[in-house]
Amino acid sequence: MPTNKQITAAQEFKGTAGQKHKGKYIAYYRVSTQKQSLGLAAQETIVQKFLNGGTWQLINFYVEKESGRKSLKDRPQLRAAIAECKAKGATLLVARLDRLSRSVSFVSSLQDTELKFTICDMPHLSSDNPQGRMMLNIMASVAEYEAKIISERTVKSLAEINTTIKKSKKHLSQSSNKYITSLGSGRPEIGARAAGVVRKKKADDFVTLNQKRVFAIMNATSNKSLRGFANALTLAKVKTPRGNEKWSASQVSNFIKRSKA
C-alpha cells in the first residue's frame, strides 16, 4: 500500500483496456481491526481494476481502522475523505459497499449530502444517477439484512455453548486456558472467551476436514515458502477457514500449527 506522500495530485494513468473513467477520485479503505490489514491490499486491487482505462487522477486515499457499524461522526477518515471530495469536486471510491456501511440509513444519509461516490466492484452502484441511487439503497438493505442474520446466528451459537456450560458447570477454553463458567452474565471478558472457543472450534474443524488436500497441494508446489504455499492454495481455489478465496502466509502458518496440535 503506498503512502499518502507517494500519491500526488498530479498522478495520472492512461490506458485503453476496459471502461474508461475520467475525473478526480479519492479512495476510501476500511478494515474493522488491526488483524484485517491484509484486506487493504484486496480493496486497493478492486479500486485499481475499476480505474483501468481512461484518464483519471487519484488525488488521495484514506484508510480507516474502525467498525462499519460506527456512525459518520466516529469515522474521522471517512469525514476527511468526504470533505476533500467536496472541496476538490472529486468522486469517492469504495471497493465494496460493506466497506462503506451495511446500514441503509447510513448510505441514504450520504446520498442526501449530494456526495458523489461509486462502489468499485459494482460500478453501476453510483450516487450520480437515479438508477444508481435506487440500487445503492436496495443493496444496502440486503447487506443490512445479512449482517442481522449473522448476528442472530452468533447469538444462537453462544446460547448453545451456554447450555453446554450449564450442564457441565464449566468449560476449559483452549484459547485462554481458563475455565468459562457463564455467558451473558454482563462480564465482557467471559463473552470474549466464549467467542474465542467458537472460533477455535471452527478453525480446528476446518483443519480436520481439509488437512489431506491442503498438504497435498503444499507438497506439490515448488516454492516451499509460506507465501508459495498461499499462492498455490489460492490457485487451487481452496477456501480459507473464513471462506475467502485468497490465502495469506499467516493463514498457512496457522493451518500448519493447528495440524500439529
Protein backbone atom coordinates (compact mmCIF):
# COMPACT_ATOMS: atom_id res chain seq x y z
CA MET A 1 0.00 0.00 0.00
CA PRO A 2 1.59 3.33 -0.99
CA THR A 3 1.74 6.21 1.48
CA ASN A 4 -0.12 9.48 1.06
CA LYS A 5 3.15 11.13 0.07
CA GLN A 6 3.52 8.72 -2.83
CA ILE A 7 0.16 9.73 -4.30
CA THR A 8 0.26 13.28 -5.62
CA ALA A 9 -2.43 15.47 -7.09
CA ALA A 10 -0.80 15.12 -10.48
CA GLN A 11 -0.80 11.31 -10.54
CA GLU A 12 -2.45 10.11 -13.75
CA PHE A 13 -2.93 6.83 -15.55
CA LYS A 14 -3.84 6.47 -19.21
CA GLY A 15 -5.00 3.18 -20.66
CA THR A 16 -7.21 1.65 -23.28
CA ALA A 17 -8.45 -1.57 -21.67
CA GLY A 18 -11.87 -1.80 -20.02
CA GLN A 19 -14.29 1.02 -19.32
CA LYS A 20 -12.70 4.45 -19.49
CA HIS A 21 -13.00 6.67 -16.45
CA LYS A 22 -12.31 10.38 -16.24
CA GLY A 23 -12.13 12.94 -13.48
CA LYS A 24 -10.79 13.18 -9.96
CA TYR A 25 -11.10 10.37 -7.44
CA ILE A 26 -10.36 9.83 -3.77
CA ALA A 27 -10.25 6.26 -2.43
CA TYR A 28 -11.55 5.18 0.97
CA TYR A 29 -10.44 1.88 2.51
CA ARG A 30 -11.77 0.42 5.75
CA VAL A 31 -10.78 -2.54 7.90
CA SER A 32 -12.50 -3.42 11.16
CA THR A 33 -9.43 -4.41 13.17
CA GLN A 34 -5.64 -4.34 13.09
CA LYS A 35 -5.70 -8.05 12.16
CA GLN A 36 -7.54 -7.28 8.92
CA SER A 37 -4.74 -5.16 7.45
CA LEU A 38 -4.29 -7.74 4.68
CA GLY A 39 -7.72 -6.68 3.46
CA LEU A 40 -6.30 -3.33 2.42
CA ALA A 41 -4.40 -4.88 -0.48
CA ALA A 42 -7.56 -6.58 -1.75
CA GLN A 43 -9.52 -3.32 -1.59
CA GLU A 44 -6.75 -1.45 -3.38
CA THR A 45 -6.77 -4.08 -6.16
CA ILE A 46 -10.52 -3.65 -6.66
CA VAL A 47 -10.13 0.13 -6.92
CA GLN A 48 -7.25 -0.18 -9.41
CA LYS A 49 -9.26 -2.57 -11.59
CA PHE A 50 -12.12 -0.10 -11.64
CA LEU A 51 -9.79 2.70 -12.75
CA ASN A 52 -8.19 0.63 -15.52
CA GLY A 53 -8.53 2.60 -18.74
CA GLY A 54 -9.28 6.25 -19.49
CA THR A 55 -7.69 9.33 -17.98
CA TRP A 56 -8.14 9.96 -14.29
CA GLN A 57 -6.49 11.45 -11.21
CA LEU A 58 -6.31 9.57 -7.93
CA ILE A 59 -5.57 12.57 -5.79
CA ASN A 60 -5.59 10.93 -2.35
CA PHE A 61 -6.68 7.94 -0.28
CA TYR A 62 -7.80 7.40 3.31
CA VAL A 63 -7.56 4.28 5.49
CA GLU A 64 -9.90 3.73 8.43
CA LYS A 65 -9.48 1.04 11.06
CA GLU A 66 -12.96 1.07 12.51
CA SER A 67 -16.17 -0.96 12.61
CA GLY A 68 -18.66 -0.33 9.81
CA ARG A 69 -21.34 -0.05 12.47
CA LYS A 70 -19.93 3.25 13.69
CA SER A 71 -21.66 6.46 12.66
CA LEU A 72 -20.06 9.09 10.46
CA LYS A 73 -19.04 11.19 13.46
CA ASP A 74 -16.97 8.25 14.75
CA ARG A 75 -15.17 7.72 11.43
CA PRO A 76 -12.75 10.65 11.05
CA GLN A 77 -11.02 9.29 7.94
CA LEU A 78 -14.31 8.99 6.08
CA ARG A 79 -15.28 12.51 7.13
CA ALA A 80 -11.94 13.80 5.87
CA ALA A 81 -12.33 11.94 2.57
CA ILE A 82 -15.82 13.38 2.07
CA ALA A 83 -14.65 16.89 2.87
CA GLU A 84 -11.81 16.67 0.36
CA CYS A 85 -14.11 15.23 -2.30
CA LYS A 86 -16.47 18.17 -1.93
CA ALA A 87 -13.65 20.71 -1.82
CA LYS A 88 -11.97 19.37 -4.96
CA GLY A 89 -15.01 18.14 -6.90
CA ALA A 90 -13.84 14.53 -6.67
CA THR A 91 -15.73 11.25 -6.58
CA LEU A 92 -15.27 8.96 -3.58
CA LEU A 93 -14.28 5.39 -4.49
CA VAL A 94 -15.08 2.49 -2.17
CA ALA A 95 -14.04 -1.07 -3.05
CA ARG A 96 -17.19 -2.77 -1.74
CA LEU A 97 -20.43 -1.47 -0.27
CA ASP A 98 -19.78 -3.16 3.09
CA ARG A 99 -16.53 -1.17 3.38
CA LEU A 100 -18.72 1.93 3.46
CA SER A 101 -21.56 0.57 5.58
CA ARG A 102 -24.15 -2.18 5.91
CA SER A 103 -26.73 0.35 7.07
CA VAL A 104 -29.47 1.64 4.76
CA SER A 105 -29.82 4.84 6.77
CA PHE A 106 -26.07 5.47 6.62
CA VAL A 107 -25.93 5.07 2.83
CA SER A 108 -29.07 7.16 2.34
CA SER A 109 -27.68 9.94 4.53
CA LEU A 110 -24.55 10.11 2.37
CA GLN A 111 -26.69 10.41 -0.74
CA ASP A 112 -28.60 13.27 0.85
CA THR A 113 -25.34 15.21 1.18
CA GLU A 114 -25.00 15.08 -2.64
CA LEU A 115 -21.62 13.40 -2.29
CA LYS A 116 -20.60 11.59 -5.47
CA PHE A 117 -19.40 8.08 -4.68
CA THR A 118 -19.01 4.81 -6.56
CA ILE A 119 -18.78 1.20 -5.36
CA CYS A 120 -15.95 -0.23 -7.46
CA ASP A 121 -16.84 -3.92 -7.53
CA MET A 122 -20.32 -2.95 -8.75
CA PRO A 123 -19.76 0.21 -10.85
CA HIS A 124 -23.48 0.62 -11.53
CA LEU A 125 -23.83 1.43 -7.81
CA SER A 126 -23.10 5.11 -8.22
CA SER A 127 -24.77 8.03 -6.48
CA ASP A 128 -24.65 10.28 -9.56
CA ASN A 129 -27.78 8.88 -11.24
CA PRO A 130 -31.32 7.88 -10.10
CA GLN A 131 -30.89 4.20 -11.04
CA GLY A 132 -27.62 4.00 -9.14
CA ARG A 133 -29.11 5.63 -6.04
CA MET A 134 -32.01 3.19 -6.08
CA MET A 135 -29.69 0.19 -6.43
CA LEU A 136 -27.47 1.51 -3.65
CA ASN A 137 -30.42 1.53 -1.27
CA ILE A 138 -31.51 -1.96 -2.36
CA MET A 139 -28.04 -3.47 -1.94
CA ALA A 140 -27.58 -1.67 1.40
CA SER A 141 -30.87 -3.25 2.54
CA VAL A 142 -29.56 -6.69 1.56
CA ALA A 143 -26.24 -6.07 3.35
CA GLU A 144 -28.05 -4.88 6.47
CA TYR A 145 -30.26 -7.97 6.42
CA GLU A 146 -27.24 -10.28 6.06
CA ALA A 147 -25.48 -8.55 8.96
CA LYS A 148 -28.51 -9.09 11.20
CA ILE A 149 -28.74 -12.75 10.20
CA ILE A 150 -25.06 -13.27 11.04
CA SER A 151 -25.59 -11.56 14.39
CA GLU A 152 -28.58 -13.79 15.17
CA ARG A 153 -26.59 -16.91 14.30
CA THR A 154 -23.75 -15.80 16.55
CA VAL A 155 -26.14 -15.25 19.44
CA LYS A 156 -27.64 -18.68 18.83
CA SER A 157 -24.19 -20.32 18.82
CA LEU A 158 -23.26 -18.64 22.09
CA ALA A 159 -26.59 -19.74 23.58
CA GLU A 160 -25.77 -23.34 22.67
CA ILE A 161 -22.37 -23.01 24.34
CA ASN A 162 -24.07 -21.54 27.39
CA THR A 163 -26.38 -24.56 27.57
CA THR A 164 -23.38 -26.90 27.41
CA ILE A 165 -21.62 -24.96 30.15
CA LYS A 166 -24.68 -25.10 32.39
CA LYS A 167 -24.81 -28.87 32.06
CA SER A 168 -21.12 -29.41 32.84
CA LYS A 169 -20.77 -26.35 35.14
CA LYS A 170 -17.59 -25.22 33.40
CA HIS A 171 -15.73 -25.35 30.12
CA LEU A 172 -11.98 -25.11 29.55
CA SER A 173 -11.18 -22.57 26.85
CA GLN A 174 -8.35 -23.80 24.62
CA SER A 175 -7.56 -20.23 23.51
CA SER A 176 -7.11 -18.75 27.00
CA ASN A 177 -6.56 -21.96 29.02
CA LYS A 178 -9.10 -20.66 31.52
CA TYR A 179 -12.43 -22.03 32.61
CA ILE A 180 -15.57 -20.40 31.26
CA THR A 181 -18.31 -20.67 33.86
CA SER A 182 -21.04 -18.49 32.34
CA LEU A 183 -22.10 -16.45 29.33
CA GLY A 184 -24.29 -13.38 29.06
CA SER A 185 -23.58 -12.50 32.67
CA GLY A 186 -22.58 -8.93 31.99
CA ARG A 187 -18.89 -9.82 32.09
CA PRO A 188 -17.38 -8.93 28.68
CA GLU A 189 -14.22 -10.93 29.28
CA ILE A 190 -16.23 -14.15 29.64
CA GLY A 191 -18.20 -13.45 26.49
CA ALA A 192 -14.97 -12.80 24.62
CA ARG A 193 -13.54 -16.12 25.79
CA ALA A 194 -16.67 -17.93 24.65
CA ALA A 195 -16.46 -16.32 21.23
CA GLY A 196 -12.85 -17.49 21.12
CA VAL A 197 -14.00 -21.04 21.81
CA VAL A 198 -16.40 -20.86 18.86
CA ARG A 199 -13.69 -19.53 16.52
CA LYS A 200 -11.18 -22.14 17.63
CA LYS A 201 -13.64 -24.99 17.10
CA LYS A 202 -14.43 -23.78 13.58
CA ALA A 203 -10.71 -23.47 12.78
CA ASP A 204 -9.97 -26.94 14.19
CA ASP A 205 -12.86 -28.45 12.23
CA PHE A 206 -11.56 -26.83 9.06
CA VAL A 207 -8.10 -28.38 9.57
CA THR A 208 -9.62 -31.80 10.19
CA LEU A 209 -11.72 -31.69 7.02
CA ASN A 210 -9.10 -30.18 4.71
CA GLN A 211 -5.75 -31.37 6.06
CA LYS A 212 -5.08 -34.05 3.41
CA ARG A 213 -5.97 -31.81 0.46
CA VAL A 214 -4.06 -28.78 1.73
CA PHE A 215 -0.86 -30.71 2.46
CA ALA A 216 -1.08 -32.49 -0.90
CA ILE A 217 -1.12 -29.10 -2.65
CA MET A 218 1.76 -27.83 -0.50
CA ASN A 219 3.87 -30.90 -1.27
CA ALA A 220 3.26 -30.49 -5.00
CA THR A 221 4.35 -26.85 -5.22
CA SER A 222 7.97 -25.98 -5.97
CA ASN A 223 8.01 -22.85 -3.83
CA LYS A 224 8.24 -24.22 -0.29
CA SER A 225 7.79 -20.85 1.45
CA LEU A 226 4.65 -19.78 3.31
CA ARG A 227 3.94 -17.29 0.52
CA GLY A 228 4.45 -20.02 -2.07
CA PHE A 229 2.03 -22.30 -0.24
CA ALA A 230 -0.51 -19.45 -0.01
CA ASN A 231 -0.30 -18.79 -3.74
CA ALA A 232 -0.68 -22.50 -4.54
CA LEU A 233 -3.77 -22.85 -2.34
CA THR A 234 -5.29 -19.72 -3.88
CA LEU A 235 -4.69 -21.02 -7.41
CA ALA A 236 -6.20 -24.39 -6.42
CA LYS A 237 -9.32 -22.48 -5.30
CA VAL A 238 -9.20 -23.88 -1.79
CA LYS A 239 -11.32 -21.74 0.50
CA THR A 240 -9.68 -20.26 3.59
CA PRO A 241 -11.06 -21.06 7.07
CA ARG A 242 -13.15 -17.87 6.78
CA GLY A 243 -14.45 -18.80 3.35
CA ASN A 244 -12.32 -16.38 1.33
CA GLU A 245 -10.65 -17.28 -1.95
CA LYS A 246 -7.20 -15.78 -1.28
CA TRP A 247 -4.78 -17.28 1.24
CA SER A 248 -2.17 -15.31 3.15
CA ALA A 249 1.14 -16.53 4.54
CA SER A 250 -0.14 -16.10 8.10
CA GLN A 251 -3.18 -18.27 7.37
CA VAL A 252 -0.92 -21.03 6.03
CA SER A 253 1.25 -20.76 9.15
CA ASN A 254 -1.79 -21.02 11.43
CA PHE A 255 -3.09 -24.01 9.47
CA ILE A 256 0.23 -25.85 9.87
CA LYS A 257 0.38 -25.08 13.60
CA ARG A 258 -3.17 -26.34 14.15
CA SER A 259 -2.49 -29.52 12.20
CA LYS A 260 0.39 -30.30 14.57
CA ALA A 261 -1.61 -29.60 17.72
